Amino acid sequence: MKIAILAGGPESLLPDLRQTGFDGFSWVGADHGTCVLLKNGLQPVRAFGDFDSLDDGEKKMVFESEIELVVFPSEKDKTDLELALDWALAQDPEECLILGGTGGRLDHTLVNIHLLLKAVNRKTRLSVIDRKNSVTVLAPGTYHLKRNPDYPYLSFLSMTDKVSGLTLEGVKYPLDQADIPLGSGLCISNEVEEDSWTVSFSDGLLLMMRSSD
């Protein structure tokens, strides 16, 4: 099973929702993202939120659809996206994508990136993506990755006090057993140079960002 969640971020930052890369994904709406799915002819299997960001016409469209709606009060302890993600992860999908989670308010973007931590100890591959970026969190280990022409640029940040033993191979700026403290910009703006490349580290949590430009 694969799940894609669409939140309410700026539509200008969304990739083409009808592209073949989303074939086989079940769509889930988070608040205003539900409207965007419907407007693109995509029927979500479920939608979450307080739906307070919708105008009257959008509310009519959503509430008269055949979507299974999970409605929450506007005053709550989790964002609409986090509620949708908690449900999605409980389904144990092999992959889960978050779209519409970047741009607009910076606090929303930052918390949505931090939501990636929810999948660290799960089998689910969780990523935040938009028109130009794909972001995920890696746990310690070795990752052999293929060059993706859509994302030639790479950056890495520590999500913990320190990432230890970071090794990068097959990239423009390789590393060998480097320690990356929280807040370090050492690994910003690298580039993939080989058809296959590798990232490995022994301790910590690593935020990996792949970008188109």
Protein backbone atom coordinates (compact mmCIF):
# COMPACT_ATOMS: atom_id res chain seq x y z
CA MET A 1 0.00 0.00 0.00
CA LYS A 2 1.13 3.52 -0.82
CA ILE A 3 -0.51 6.69 0.53
CA ALA A 4 -0.15 10.32 -0.55
CA ILE A 5 -1.46 13.05 1.76
CA LEU A 6 -2.28 16.47 0.34
CA ALA A 7 -2.22 19.35 2.82
CA GLY A 8 -3.21 22.96 2.30
CA GLY A 9 0.08 24.56 1.22
CA PRO A 10 0.35 26.85 -1.83
CA GLU A 11 -0.85 25.09 -4.97
CA SER A 12 1.95 26.77 -6.96
CA LEU A 13 4.46 24.52 -5.16
CA LEU A 14 2.65 21.27 -5.93
CA PRO A 15 3.92 18.85 -8.56
CA ASP A 16 1.49 17.65 -11.21
CA LEU A 17 -0.90 15.50 -9.18
CA ARG A 18 -1.89 13.49 -12.26
CA GLN A 19 1.63 12.42 -13.21
CA THR A 20 2.35 8.71 -13.48
CA GLY A 21 4.65 8.87 -10.45
CA PHE A 22 1.54 8.89 -8.27
CA ASP A 23 -0.01 5.82 -9.88
CA GLY A 24 -0.87 3.24 -7.25
CA PHE A 25 -1.15 5.79 -4.42
CA SER A 26 -4.29 6.21 -2.35
CA TRP A 27 -4.96 9.90 -1.74
CA VAL A 28 -5.83 11.41 1.64
CA GLY A 29 -6.92 15.01 2.12
CA ALA A 30 -5.86 17.26 4.99
CA ASP A 31 -8.20 20.25 5.30
CA HIS A 32 -7.95 22.45 2.16
CA GLY A 33 -5.91 19.78 0.39
CA THR A 34 -9.16 17.85 0.07
CA CYS A 35 -10.57 20.57 -2.21
CA VAL A 36 -7.45 20.56 -4.35
CA LEU A 37 -7.73 16.81 -4.85
CA LEU A 38 -11.36 17.06 -5.89
CA LYS A 39 -10.62 19.93 -8.27
CA ASN A 40 -7.97 17.74 -9.91
CA GLY A 41 -10.39 14.86 -10.35
CA LEU A 42 -8.80 12.78 -7.60
CA GLN A 43 -11.06 11.11 -5.04
CA PRO A 44 -9.41 10.81 -1.60
CA VAL A 45 -10.18 7.68 0.41
CA ARG A 46 -10.43 9.80 3.56
CA ALA A 47 -10.07 13.41 4.64
CA PHE A 48 -9.14 14.96 7.98
CA GLY A 49 -9.44 18.41 9.49
CA ASP A 50 -11.59 21.17 10.85
CA PHE A 51 -12.08 22.51 7.29
CA ASP A 52 -12.10 26.07 8.61
CA SER A 53 -9.92 27.27 5.74
CA LEU A 54 -12.60 26.44 3.15
CA ASP A 55 -15.02 29.00 1.77
CA ASP A 56 -18.73 28.18 1.52
CA GLY A 57 -18.47 26.77 -2.00
CA GLU A 58 -15.53 24.57 -1.09
CA LYS A 59 -17.28 23.29 2.03
CA LYS A 60 -20.31 22.38 -0.06
CA MET A 61 -18.12 20.50 -2.52
CA VAL A 62 -16.32 18.57 0.23
CA PHE A 63 -19.30 17.79 2.47
CA GLU A 64 -21.47 16.70 -0.47
CA SER A 65 -18.78 14.37 -1.79
CA GLU A 66 -18.65 10.68 -0.96
CA ILE A 67 -15.38 11.06 0.96
CA GLU A 68 -15.16 9.58 4.42
CA LEU A 69 -14.63 12.76 6.45
CA VAL A 70 -13.02 12.81 9.89
CA VAL A 71 -13.95 16.23 11.26
CA PHE A 72 -12.20 17.81 14.24
CA PRO A 73 -12.78 21.08 16.11
CA SER A 74 -10.61 24.01 15.13
CA GLU A 75 -9.05 24.10 18.62
CA LYS A 76 -7.04 20.90 18.96
CA ASP A 77 -3.59 19.61 19.90
CA LYS A 78 -2.53 18.36 16.44
CA THR A 79 -2.56 19.95 13.02
CA ASP A 80 -4.87 18.59 10.34
CA LEU A 81 -1.88 17.16 8.53
CA GLU A 82 -0.58 15.40 11.64
CA LEU A 83 -3.99 13.81 12.19
CA ALA A 84 -4.02 12.58 8.60
CA LEU A 85 -0.46 11.29 8.89
CA ASP A 86 -1.15 9.42 12.13
CA TRP A 87 -3.97 7.57 10.40
CA ALA A 88 -1.87 6.89 7.31
CA LEU A 89 1.04 5.46 9.30
CA ALA A 90 -1.34 3.24 11.25
CA GLN A 91 -2.12 1.53 7.93
CA ASP A 92 1.57 0.48 7.69
CA PRO A 93 2.03 1.56 4.06
CA GLU A 94 5.32 0.82 2.35
CA GLU A 95 5.51 4.46 1.28
CA CYS A 96 3.81 7.67 2.34
CA LEU A 97 4.19 11.08 0.70
CA ILE A 98 3.26 14.48 2.13
CA LEU A 99 2.41 17.15 -0.44
CA GLY A 100 1.25 20.69 0.22
CA GLY A 101 3.36 20.77 3.36
CA THR A 102 5.84 23.47 2.30
CA GLY A 103 5.61 27.16 1.51
CA GLY A 104 3.39 29.76 3.08
CA ARG A 105 3.87 30.09 6.84
CA LEU A 106 7.34 29.06 8.00
CA ASP A 107 6.06 27.48 11.21
CA HIS A 108 3.85 25.15 9.16
CA THR A 109 6.74 24.15 6.91
CA LEU A 110 9.06 23.46 9.83
CA VAL A 111 6.59 21.36 11.79
CA ASN A 112 5.74 19.40 8.65
CA ILE A 113 9.42 18.58 8.14
CA HIS A 114 9.59 17.45 11.76
CA LEU A 115 6.63 15.13 11.14
CA LEU A 116 9.08 12.97 9.20
CA LEU A 117 10.43 11.81 12.56
CA LYS A 118 7.22 9.83 13.08
CA ALA A 119 8.38 7.22 10.56
CA VAL A 120 11.93 6.72 11.83
CA ASN A 121 11.14 3.45 13.63
CA ARG A 122 8.60 2.24 11.07
CA LYS A 123 8.88 0.30 7.84
CA THR A 124 7.16 3.15 5.97
CA ARG A 125 9.27 5.37 3.70
CA LEU A 126 7.99 8.86 4.49
CA SER A 127 8.86 11.95 2.46
CA VAL A 128 7.76 15.57 2.12
CA ILE A 129 7.76 16.58 -1.53
CA ASP A 130 6.91 19.64 -3.58
CA ARG A 131 7.57 20.83 -7.12
CA LYS A 132 11.33 21.14 -6.52
CA ASN A 133 12.23 19.08 -3.44
CA SER A 134 12.05 15.68 -1.81
CA VAL A 135 12.88 15.51 1.90
CA THR A 136 13.21 12.51 4.21
CA VAL A 137 14.83 11.49 7.50
CA LEU A 138 17.36 8.65 7.58
CA ALA A 139 18.17 6.42 10.54
CA PRO A 140 21.74 5.07 10.99
CA GLY A 141 22.79 2.65 8.28
CA THR A 142 24.02 2.44 4.70
CA TYR A 143 21.88 3.61 1.79
CA HIS A 144 22.72 2.80 -1.83
CA LEU A 145 20.77 5.19 -4.02
CA LYS A 146 20.28 5.66 -7.76
CA ARG A 147 20.81 8.97 -9.52
CA ASN A 148 17.47 10.71 -10.04
CA PRO A 149 17.72 13.30 -12.83
CA ASP A 150 14.82 15.20 -11.28
CA TYR A 151 16.86 15.77 -8.09
CA PRO A 152 20.56 16.29 -8.92
CA TYR A 153 21.32 18.40 -5.83
CA LEU A 154 21.71 17.14 -2.27
CA SER A 155 21.84 18.61 1.21
CA PHE A 156 22.03 17.00 4.63
CA LEU A 157 21.33 18.34 8.12
CA SER A 158 21.57 16.69 11.50
CA MET A 159 18.22 16.24 13.24
CA THR A 160 19.93 15.27 16.51
CA ASP A 161 22.75 16.76 18.57
CA LYS A 162 25.19 15.11 16.18
CA VAL A 163 25.32 12.72 13.23
CA SER A 164 28.41 10.52 13.54
CA GLY A 165 30.48 8.79 10.89
CA LEU A 166 28.82 10.37 7.87
CA THR A 167 30.27 9.03 4.61
CA LEU A 168 29.17 10.22 1.17
CA GLU A 169 30.33 8.50 -2.01
CA GLY A 170 29.49 9.14 -5.67
CA VAL A 171 28.90 12.85 -5.06
CA LYS A 172 30.79 16.02 -5.96
CA TYR A 173 31.90 16.63 -2.37
CA PRO A 174 32.53 13.23 -0.73
CA LEU A 175 32.91 12.74 3.01
CA ASP A 176 34.62 10.03 5.03
CA GLN A 177 33.50 9.37 8.60
CA ALA A 178 32.59 13.01 9.32
CA ASP A 179 30.69 14.18 12.39
CA ILE A 180 27.96 16.72 11.67
CA PRO A 181 26.71 18.68 14.69
CA LEU A 182 23.24 20.15 14.92
CA GLY A 183 23.17 23.44 13.02
CA SER A 184 26.16 22.70 10.78
CA GLY A 185 25.99 23.83 7.15
CA LEU A 186 28.83 21.56 6.01
CA CYS A 187 26.58 19.34 3.90
CA ILE A 188 24.52 21.96 2.12
CA SER A 189 24.42 21.99 -1.70
CA ASN A 190 26.19 18.82 -2.82
CA GLU A 191 25.62 17.17 -6.21
CA VAL A 192 25.19 13.60 -7.41
CA GLU A 193 27.93 12.61 -9.87
CA GLU A 194 27.58 8.83 -10.25
CA ASP A 195 24.69 6.66 -11.42
CA SER A 196 24.80 5.05 -7.98
CA TRP A 197 25.77 6.91 -4.83
CA THR A 198 25.95 6.05 -1.14
CA VAL A 199 25.24 7.72 2.17
CA SER A 200 26.10 5.98 5.44
CA PHE A 201 26.44 6.98 9.10
CA SER A 202 26.62 5.28 12.47
CA ASP A 203 24.65 7.44 14.89
CA GLY A 204 22.03 10.19 14.94
CA LEU A 205 19.22 11.10 12.57
CA LEU A 206 19.95 12.69 9.20
CA LEU A 207 17.67 14.94 7.18
CA MET A 208 18.26 14.30 3.47
CA MET A 209 17.05 16.90 0.99
CA ARG A 210 17.11 16.33 -2.76
CA SER A 211 16.39 19.31 -5.01
CA SER A 212 15.88 20.05 -8.68
CA ASP A 213 17.88 23.31 -8.73
